[in-house]
């Protein structure tokens, strides 16, 4: 069985193997489909039992695969999710902070399905005592939901795991320094770049950010809502300009500031940090919050944490007669991690394929997609500040 067959043959069984068999059950329904709690919350610091259960599981499984003398029947179906192991999670965070910010949830099915608010009836509002005593004369007021969905997409890669041994698994080994660890880091960066810049309409057929088989990124959702803004003409007062955009999102969209995040390149983060005048901090007249500050050891603007990442940069994806030039070190992405989510039938997993001599070839495979439940209204892509 190949990877595509494994994922596509039976979504129910794939979901059970990826999530339920690891004690992770759906906790709510969205778009009439069960959805798990985010992986990030499952592995939160308060859940020490789960952390202890999953820690080192990838090392042990990789060593088991690498030391098998031959491929067992049905072995391909026995894939191992990687994203539950804290050692793998650490690699993901280091290489792609956005993967720690955007919740990753399990959802059964071949599409990421979710509800969006379609219409709201006005409430009854203030009323008389007699009317409040008997509300049967009033029409029920409701909220109507529409169902939206996006196709989940397949990411794959191949890796040999001959550097794992039973002895290494029994003792501590740094997964990051293995071939598997390097491939996980590479996937994390590719996934982050897709989250920011993915545009399937480019159809480059390269497997990169412009491939038609990839998922739409934040810039696409922002574009759908008319929220991609050219900032190439702005060459100073960057903090003030970004703060004004945060203010507009809060005022016009009623977005909760606690869910908002700002992502920038490392170079631009340094510029913003240098521009911020920490000796003369000011507060927002409406909220009383610091316009610029240090939050958990990092910069915040308008009460929103600023996250630096090397996955915001200039990228070129050329293929199939198309050249997709995406990104700039001066880009800024603002989004809500309440509405931006990553849904996966199969999270990044290790799938055994074949035994070749002393090495074992496994596939890395993931089946999922980014969704944006505000339909881009809570997203801003501020393009190419000139710094």
Protein backbone atom coordinates (compact mmCIF):
# COMPACT_ATOMS: atom_id res chain seq x y z
CA UNK A 1 0.00 0.00 0.00
CA UNK A 2 1.43 3.42 -0.97
CA UNK A 3 1.07 6.60 1.07
CA UNK A 4 -1.85 7.97 -0.96
CA UNK A 5 -3.75 4.68 -0.59
CA UNK A 6 -3.00 4.62 3.11
CA UNK A 7 -4.50 8.06 3.60
CA UNK A 8 -7.34 7.88 1.11
CA UNK A 9 -8.53 4.28 1.51
CA UNK A 10 -10.47 4.71 4.76
CA UNK A 11 -10.62 8.08 6.49
CA UNK A 12 -12.25 6.58 9.57
CA UNK A 13 -9.48 4.03 10.08
CA UNK A 14 -6.76 6.59 9.34
CA UNK A 15 -8.27 8.97 11.90
CA UNK A 16 -8.49 6.20 14.50
CA UNK A 17 -4.88 5.17 13.92
CA UNK A 18 -3.56 8.74 13.92
CA UNK A 19 -5.55 10.14 16.83
CA UNK A 20 -7.83 7.78 18.75
CA UNK A 21 -5.26 5.02 19.13
CA UNK A 22 -3.15 7.58 20.98
CA UNK A 23 -5.93 8.52 23.36
CA UNK A 24 -6.93 11.68 21.50
CA UNK A 25 -10.68 11.77 20.89
CA UNK A 26 -12.87 14.43 19.22
CA UNK A 27 -14.01 16.97 21.79
CA UNK A 28 -16.43 19.02 19.66
CA UNK A 29 -18.15 19.16 16.30
CA UNK A 30 -17.38 21.62 13.53
CA UNK A 31 -19.09 21.41 10.15
CA UNK A 32 -20.81 18.21 11.36
CA UNK A 33 -17.44 16.53 11.80
CA UNK A 34 -15.64 15.63 15.02
CA UNK A 35 -12.59 17.74 15.89
CA UNK A 36 -9.91 16.99 18.50
CA UNK A 37 -8.37 19.42 20.94
CA UNK A 38 -5.28 21.17 19.52
CA UNK A 39 -2.04 19.22 19.79
CA UNK A 40 -0.54 22.25 21.54
CA UNK A 41 -3.06 22.06 24.38
CA UNK A 42 -2.71 18.28 24.67
CA UNK A 43 1.03 18.75 25.21
CA UNK A 44 0.71 21.83 27.39
CA UNK A 45 2.86 22.11 30.49
CA UNK A 46 -0.08 21.25 32.74
CA UNK A 47 -0.52 17.86 31.05
CA UNK A 48 2.60 16.16 32.36
CA UNK A 49 1.06 12.70 32.04
CA UNK A 50 0.63 13.02 28.27
CA UNK A 51 4.07 14.56 27.85
CA UNK A 52 5.65 11.64 29.71
CA UNK A 53 3.60 9.14 27.68
CA UNK A 54 4.73 10.49 24.30
CA UNK A 55 8.30 11.56 25.04
CA UNK A 56 10.85 9.40 23.25
CA UNK A 57 8.20 7.46 21.32
CA UNK A 58 9.66 8.43 17.92
CA UNK A 59 13.18 7.35 18.93
CA UNK A 60 11.88 3.98 20.04
CA UNK A 61 9.74 3.41 16.94
CA UNK A 62 12.50 4.49 14.54
CA UNK A 63 14.97 2.15 16.21
CA UNK A 64 12.44 -0.67 16.01
CA UNK A 65 11.97 -0.06 12.28
CA UNK A 66 15.71 0.29 11.60
CA UNK A 67 16.59 -3.01 13.29
CA UNK A 68 13.88 -5.13 11.64
CA UNK A 69 15.44 -7.69 9.33
CA UNK A 70 12.60 -7.47 6.83
CA UNK A 71 9.40 -5.60 6.16
CA UNK A 72 6.39 -7.15 7.90
CA UNK A 73 3.07 -7.68 6.18
CA UNK A 74 0.80 -4.78 6.90
CA UNK A 75 3.72 -2.75 8.20
CA UNK A 76 2.95 0.24 5.96
CA UNK A 77 -0.40 0.70 7.67
CA UNK A 78 1.34 0.93 11.06
CA UNK A 79 2.41 4.54 10.71
CA UNK A 80 3.61 6.55 13.68
CA UNK A 81 2.47 10.16 14.25
CA UNK A 82 5.47 12.36 15.05
CA UNK A 83 3.81 15.52 16.34
CA UNK A 84 2.87 14.10 19.74
CA UNK A 85 6.48 13.47 20.81
CA UNK A 86 7.83 16.50 22.75
CA UNK A 87 11.27 15.91 21.18
CA UNK A 88 9.76 16.41 17.72
CA UNK A 89 7.64 19.34 18.93
CA UNK A 90 10.84 21.06 20.06
CA UNK A 91 12.25 20.77 16.51
CA UNK A 92 9.04 22.20 15.04
CA UNK A 93 9.07 25.19 17.42
CA UNK A 94 12.71 26.00 16.72
CA UNK A 95 12.32 25.90 12.95
CA UNK A 96 8.81 27.29 12.54
CA UNK A 97 7.33 29.23 15.49
CA UNK A 98 4.05 29.67 13.59
CA UNK A 99 3.41 25.92 13.99
CA UNK A 100 3.27 26.48 17.74
CA UNK A 101 0.95 29.48 17.35
CA UNK A 102 -1.65 28.09 14.94
CA UNK A 103 -3.62 25.28 16.62
CA UNK A 104 -3.33 21.89 14.92
CA UNK A 105 -6.46 19.77 15.30
CA UNK A 106 -7.47 16.31 14.11
CA UNK A 107 -10.56 16.00 11.91
CA UNK A 108 -11.93 12.91 10.19
CA UNK A 109 -12.57 13.14 6.46
CA UNK A 110 -10.76 14.17 3.30
CA UNK A 111 -11.81 17.82 3.61
CA UNK A 112 -11.27 20.32 6.42
CA UNK A 113 -14.89 21.22 7.20
CA UNK A 114 -15.95 24.07 9.47
CA UNK A 115 -18.86 26.35 10.32
CA UNK A 116 -18.97 30.08 9.68
CA UNK A 117 -21.64 32.47 10.90
CA UNK A 118 -23.94 33.20 7.96
CA UNK A 119 -26.52 35.46 9.64
CA UNK A 120 -27.64 36.65 13.07
CA UNK A 121 -31.15 37.63 14.12
CA UNK A 122 -31.48 40.64 16.36
CA UNK A 123 -31.97 39.76 20.04
CA UNK A 124 -35.27 40.48 21.77
CA UNK A 125 -33.43 43.17 23.70
CA UNK A 126 -34.81 45.22 26.56
CA UNK A 127 -38.45 44.46 27.28
CA UNK A 128 -41.22 44.94 29.79
CA UNK A 129 -41.75 42.84 32.88
CA UNK A 130 -44.96 41.35 31.46
CA UNK A 131 -43.25 40.40 28.20
CA UNK A 132 -40.35 38.86 30.08
CA UNK A 133 -42.80 36.77 32.10
CA UNK A 134 -44.11 35.11 28.94
CA UNK A 135 -41.77 35.07 25.95
CA UNK A 136 -43.98 32.80 23.82
CA UNK A 137 -45.32 35.79 21.90
CA UNK A 138 -41.85 36.49 20.55
CA UNK A 139 -40.31 34.80 17.54
CA UNK A 140 -37.21 32.69 18.28
CA UNK A 141 -34.02 34.53 17.40
CA UNK A 142 -31.20 32.49 16.02
CA UNK A 143 -27.78 32.40 14.47
CA UNK A 144 -27.48 30.66 11.12
CA UNK A 145 -24.31 28.79 10.29
CA UNK A 146 -23.04 27.97 6.82
CA UNK A 147 -20.62 25.13 6.21
CA UNK A 148 -17.33 25.80 4.43
CA UNK A 149 -14.57 23.40 3.53
CA UNK A 150 -11.15 23.15 1.93
CA UNK A 151 -9.42 20.13 0.45
CA UNK A 152 -6.79 18.53 2.64
CA UNK A 153 -3.45 18.14 0.89
CA UNK A 154 -0.70 15.53 1.01
CA UNK A 155 2.90 16.34 1.97
CA UNK A 156 5.46 13.54 1.55
CA UNK A 157 9.18 12.98 1.79
CA UNK A 158 11.54 10.00 2.02
CA UNK A 159 14.18 9.38 4.67
CA UNK A 160 16.55 6.56 5.61
CA UNK A 161 16.79 5.88 9.33
CA UNK A 162 19.89 3.70 9.49
CA UNK A 163 21.33 6.01 12.17
CA UNK A 164 18.83 4.68 14.74
CA UNK A 165 19.67 1.65 16.84
CA UNK A 166 17.97 -0.14 19.72
CA UNK A 167 20.84 0.87 22.00
CA UNK A 168 20.51 4.53 21.01
CA UNK A 169 16.78 4.42 21.64
CA UNK A 170 17.27 2.84 25.04
CA UNK A 171 19.53 5.72 26.03
CA UNK A 172 19.23 9.37 25.15
CA UNK A 173 20.01 10.44 21.61
CA UNK A 174 19.38 13.84 20.07
CA UNK A 175 16.78 13.25 17.37
CA UNK A 176 17.61 16.65 15.88
CA UNK A 177 21.05 15.37 14.92
CA UNK A 178 19.68 12.40 12.97
CA UNK A 179 18.53 12.24 9.34
CA UNK A 180 14.95 12.01 10.57
CA UNK A 181 15.38 15.11 12.71
CA UNK A 182 16.79 17.05 9.78
CA UNK A 183 13.86 16.00 7.59
CA UNK A 184 11.37 17.02 10.29
CA UNK A 185 13.04 20.43 10.50
CA UNK A 186 12.86 20.76 6.72
CA UNK A 187 9.17 19.88 6.75
CA UNK A 188 8.49 22.41 9.50
CA UNK A 189 10.02 25.19 7.43
CA UNK A 190 8.19 24.15 4.24
CA UNK A 191 4.89 23.98 6.11
CA UNK A 192 5.44 27.42 7.67
CA UNK A 193 6.28 28.93 4.28
CA UNK A 194 3.11 27.35 2.88
CA UNK A 195 1.08 28.79 5.78
CA UNK A 196 2.31 32.27 4.94
CA UNK A 197 2.64 32.21 1.16
CA UNK A 198 0.88 29.13 -0.23
CA UNK A 199 -0.89 29.87 -3.54
CA UNK A 200 -2.18 26.76 -5.38
CA UNK A 201 -3.44 28.92 -8.27
CA UNK A 202 0.17 29.33 -9.46
CA UNK A 203 0.29 25.62 -10.44
CA UNK A 204 4.09 25.44 -10.54
CA UNK A 205 4.13 21.64 -10.11
CA UNK A 206 7.25 21.83 -7.95
CA UNK A 207 5.95 20.65 -4.59
CA UNK A 208 6.72 24.12 -3.20
CA UNK A 209 4.51 27.09 -2.24
CA UNK A 210 3.03 27.55 -5.70
CA UNK A 211 2.10 23.92 -6.36
CA UNK A 212 -1.58 23.27 -7.15
CA UNK A 213 -1.53 20.32 -4.73
CA UNK A 214 -0.66 22.54 -1.76
CA UNK A 215 -3.03 24.40 0.54
CA UNK A 216 -3.85 28.12 0.45
CA UNK A 217 -1.85 30.25 2.86
CA UNK A 218 -2.62 33.33 4.94
CA UNK A 219 -1.81 35.66 2.05
CA UNK A 220 -4.54 33.96 0.02
CA UNK A 221 -7.13 34.34 2.77
CA UNK A 222 -6.10 37.97 3.25
CA UNK A 223 -6.43 38.56 -0.49
CA UNK A 224 -9.93 37.05 -0.53
CA UNK A 225 -11.01 39.66 2.02
CA UNK A 226 -9.11 42.55 0.41
CA UNK A 227 -6.61 42.63 3.25
CA UNK A 228 -3.29 42.49 1.38
CA UNK A 229 -1.79 45.96 1.72
CA UNK A 230 1.28 47.30 -0.10
CA UNK A 231 3.58 48.93 2.45
CA UNK A 232 6.60 49.44 0.20
CA UNK A 233 6.12 53.21 0.48
CA UNK A 234 6.48 53.15 4.28
CA UNK A 235 10.11 53.66 5.32
CA UNK A 236 9.81 54.91 8.91
CA UNK A 237 7.52 54.88 11.95
CA UNK A 238 6.93 51.16 11.41
CA UNK A 239 5.70 50.46 14.93
CA UNK A 240 3.13 53.24 14.72
CA UNK A 241 1.90 52.02 11.35
CA UNK A 242 1.55 48.39 12.48
CA UNK A 243 -0.19 49.51 15.66
CA UNK A 244 -2.77 51.39 13.61
CA UNK A 245 -3.54 48.19 11.68
CA UNK A 246 -3.95 46.26 14.94
CA UNK A 247 -6.31 48.96 16.15
CA UNK A 248 -8.38 48.71 12.97
CA UNK A 249 -8.68 44.91 13.28
CA UNK A 250 -9.90 45.29 16.84
CA UNK A 251 -12.29 48.11 16.04
CA UNK A 252 -13.69 46.96 12.70
CA UNK A 253 -13.65 43.19 13.18
CA UNK A 254 -14.06 43.03 16.97
CA UNK A 255 -11.12 40.62 17.09
CA UNK A 256 -9.94 39.61 20.57
CA UNK A 257 -6.47 41.03 21.10
CA UNK A 258 -5.53 37.96 23.16
CA UNK A 259 -5.85 35.80 20.03
CA UNK A 260 -3.96 38.09 17.65
CA UNK A 261 -0.35 37.45 16.64
CA UNK A 262 2.11 39.40 14.51
CA UNK A 263 4.78 37.53 12.54
CA UNK A 264 7.78 39.23 10.92
CA UNK A 265 11.25 38.34 9.63
CA UNK A 266 14.19 38.38 12.03
CA UNK A 267 15.66 41.39 10.21
CA UNK A 268 12.48 43.43 10.51
CA UNK A 269 11.99 42.36 14.14
CA UNK A 270 15.39 43.88 14.92
CA UNK A 271 14.33 47.14 13.21
CA UNK A 272 11.07 47.25 15.17
CA UNK A 273 12.83 46.53 18.44
CA UNK A 274 15.37 49.28 17.78
CA UNK A 275 12.65 51.72 16.80
CA UNK A 276 10.61 51.12 19.94
CA UNK A 277 11.41 53.69 22.60
CA UNK A 278 11.23 51.70 25.82
CA UNK A 279 12.30 54.69 27.88
CA UNK A 280 9.20 56.64 26.86
CA UNK A 281 6.39 54.09 26.73
CA UNK A 282 2.90 55.35 25.93
CA UNK A 283 -0.51 53.77 26.49
CA UNK A 284 -3.48 53.36 24.20
CA UNK A 285 -6.16 55.95 25.03
CA UNK A 286 -8.97 53.42 24.54
CA UNK A 287 -7.57 50.34 26.24
CA UNK A 288 -4.96 51.68 28.62
CA UNK A 289 -2.51 49.09 27.26
CA UNK A 290 1.08 49.84 26.34
CA UNK A 291 1.42 50.63 22.65
CA UNK A 292 4.82 48.98 22.62
CA UNK A 293 6.18 46.69 25.26
CA UNK A 294 7.99 43.54 26.21
CA UNK A 295 5.72 40.54 26.68
CA UNK A 296 7.25 37.26 27.95
CA UNK A 297 10.65 38.51 26.91
CA UNK A 298 9.60 39.63 23.43
CA UNK A 299 8.29 42.68 21.62
CA UNK A 300 4.58 43.45 21.51
CA UNK A 301 2.75 46.12 19.51
CA UNK A 302 -0.70 47.30 20.52
CA UNK A 303 -0.87 44.47 23.03
CA UNK A 304 -0.10 41.84 20.36
CA UNK A 305 3.04 39.65 20.58
CA UNK A 306 5.49 39.97 17.69
CA UNK A 307 7.06 36.67 16.61
CA UNK A 308 10.25 36.66 14.49
CA UNK A 309 10.75 33.87 11.94
CA UNK A 310 13.08 33.13 9.04
CA UNK A 311 10.10 31.72 7.14
CA UNK A 312 9.04 35.24 6.21
CA UNK A 313 11.42 36.18 3.42
CA UNK A 314 11.68 36.35 -0.37
CA UNK A 315 10.95 33.05 -2.14
CA UNK A 316 10.91 32.03 -5.80
CA UNK A 317 8.99 29.00 -7.02
CA UNK A 318 9.50 28.33 -10.74
CA UNK A 319 7.98 25.51 -12.73
CA UNK A 320 5.42 24.56 -15.37
CA UNK A 321 6.09 27.82 -17.21
CA UNK A 322 5.27 29.91 -14.14
CA UNK A 323 7.47 31.89 -11.77
CA UNK A 324 5.90 32.71 -8.42
CA UNK A 325 7.85 35.40 -6.56
CA UNK A 326 6.48 35.48 -3.05
CA UNK A 327 7.36 37.34 0.10
CA UNK A 328 9.75 40.00 1.30
CA UNK A 329 11.78 40.44 4.52
CA UNK A 330 9.61 43.51 5.17
CA UNK A 331 6.37 41.50 5.21
CA UNK A 332 4.13 41.50 8.27
CA UNK A 333 1.38 38.96 8.91
CA UNK A 334 -1.30 39.64 11.50
CA UNK A 335 -3.86 36.93 12.23
CA UNK A 336 -6.00 35.40 14.96
CA UNK A 337 -5.18 31.92 16.21
CA UNK A 338 -8.86 31.55 17.09
CA UNK A 339 -9.85 31.60 13.41
CA UNK A 340 -6.66 30.37 11.71
CA UNK A 341 -6.35 26.63 12.40
CA UNK A 342 -4.62 23.65 10.85
CA UNK A 343 -6.85 20.59 10.41
CA UNK A 344 -5.34 17.17 9.76
CA UNK A 345 -6.76 13.73 9.13
CA UNK A 346 -3.18 12.46 9.43
CA UNK A 347 -0.64 14.65 11.22
CA UNK A 348 3.00 14.44 10.18
CA UNK A 349 3.78 10.74 10.52
CA UNK A 350 6.48 8.20 9.85
CA UNK A 351 5.35 5.47 7.44
CA UNK A 352 7.58 2.37 6.98
CA UNK A 353 8.06 1.48 3.31
CA UNK A 354 10.96 -0.86 2.59
CA UNK A 355 14.08 -2.48 3.96
CA UNK A 356 17.21 -1.96 1.84
CA UNK A 357 20.38 -3.55 3.16
CA UNK A 358 21.19 -2.04 6.53
CA UNK A 359 18.92 0.97 6.09
CA UNK A 360 15.19 1.37 6.37
CA UNK A 361 13.35 3.76 4.07
CA UNK A 362 10.35 5.48 5.58
CA UNK A 363 8.04 8.12 4.26
CA UNK A 364 7.17 11.27 6.11
CA UNK A 365 3.54 11.99 5.33
CA UNK A 366 0.94 14.52 6.37
CA UNK A 367 -2.63 15.08 5.18
CA UNK A 368 -4.17 18.37 6.24
CA UNK A 369 -4.85 22.01 5.39
CA UNK A 370 -4.99 25.50 6.81
CA UNK A 371 -8.45 26.96 7.42
CA UNK A 372 -9.40 30.54 8.26
CA UNK A 373 -12.82 30.76 9.90
CA UNK A 374 -13.17 34.53 9.54
CA UNK A 375 -12.77 34.12 5.75
CA UNK A 376 -9.75 36.40 5.88
CA UNK A 377 -11.38 39.24 7.80
CA UNK A 378 -9.05 38.76 10.79
CA UNK A 379 -5.95 38.45 8.58
CA UNK A 380 -3.67 41.19 7.32
CA UNK A 381 -0.73 40.74 4.98
CA UNK A 382 1.25 43.98 5.07
CA UNK A 383 3.65 43.69 2.17
CA UNK A 384 7.26 44.84 1.92
CA UNK A 385 7.85 47.61 4.45
CA UNK A 386 10.92 49.48 3.19
CA UNK A 387 13.57 49.20 5.90
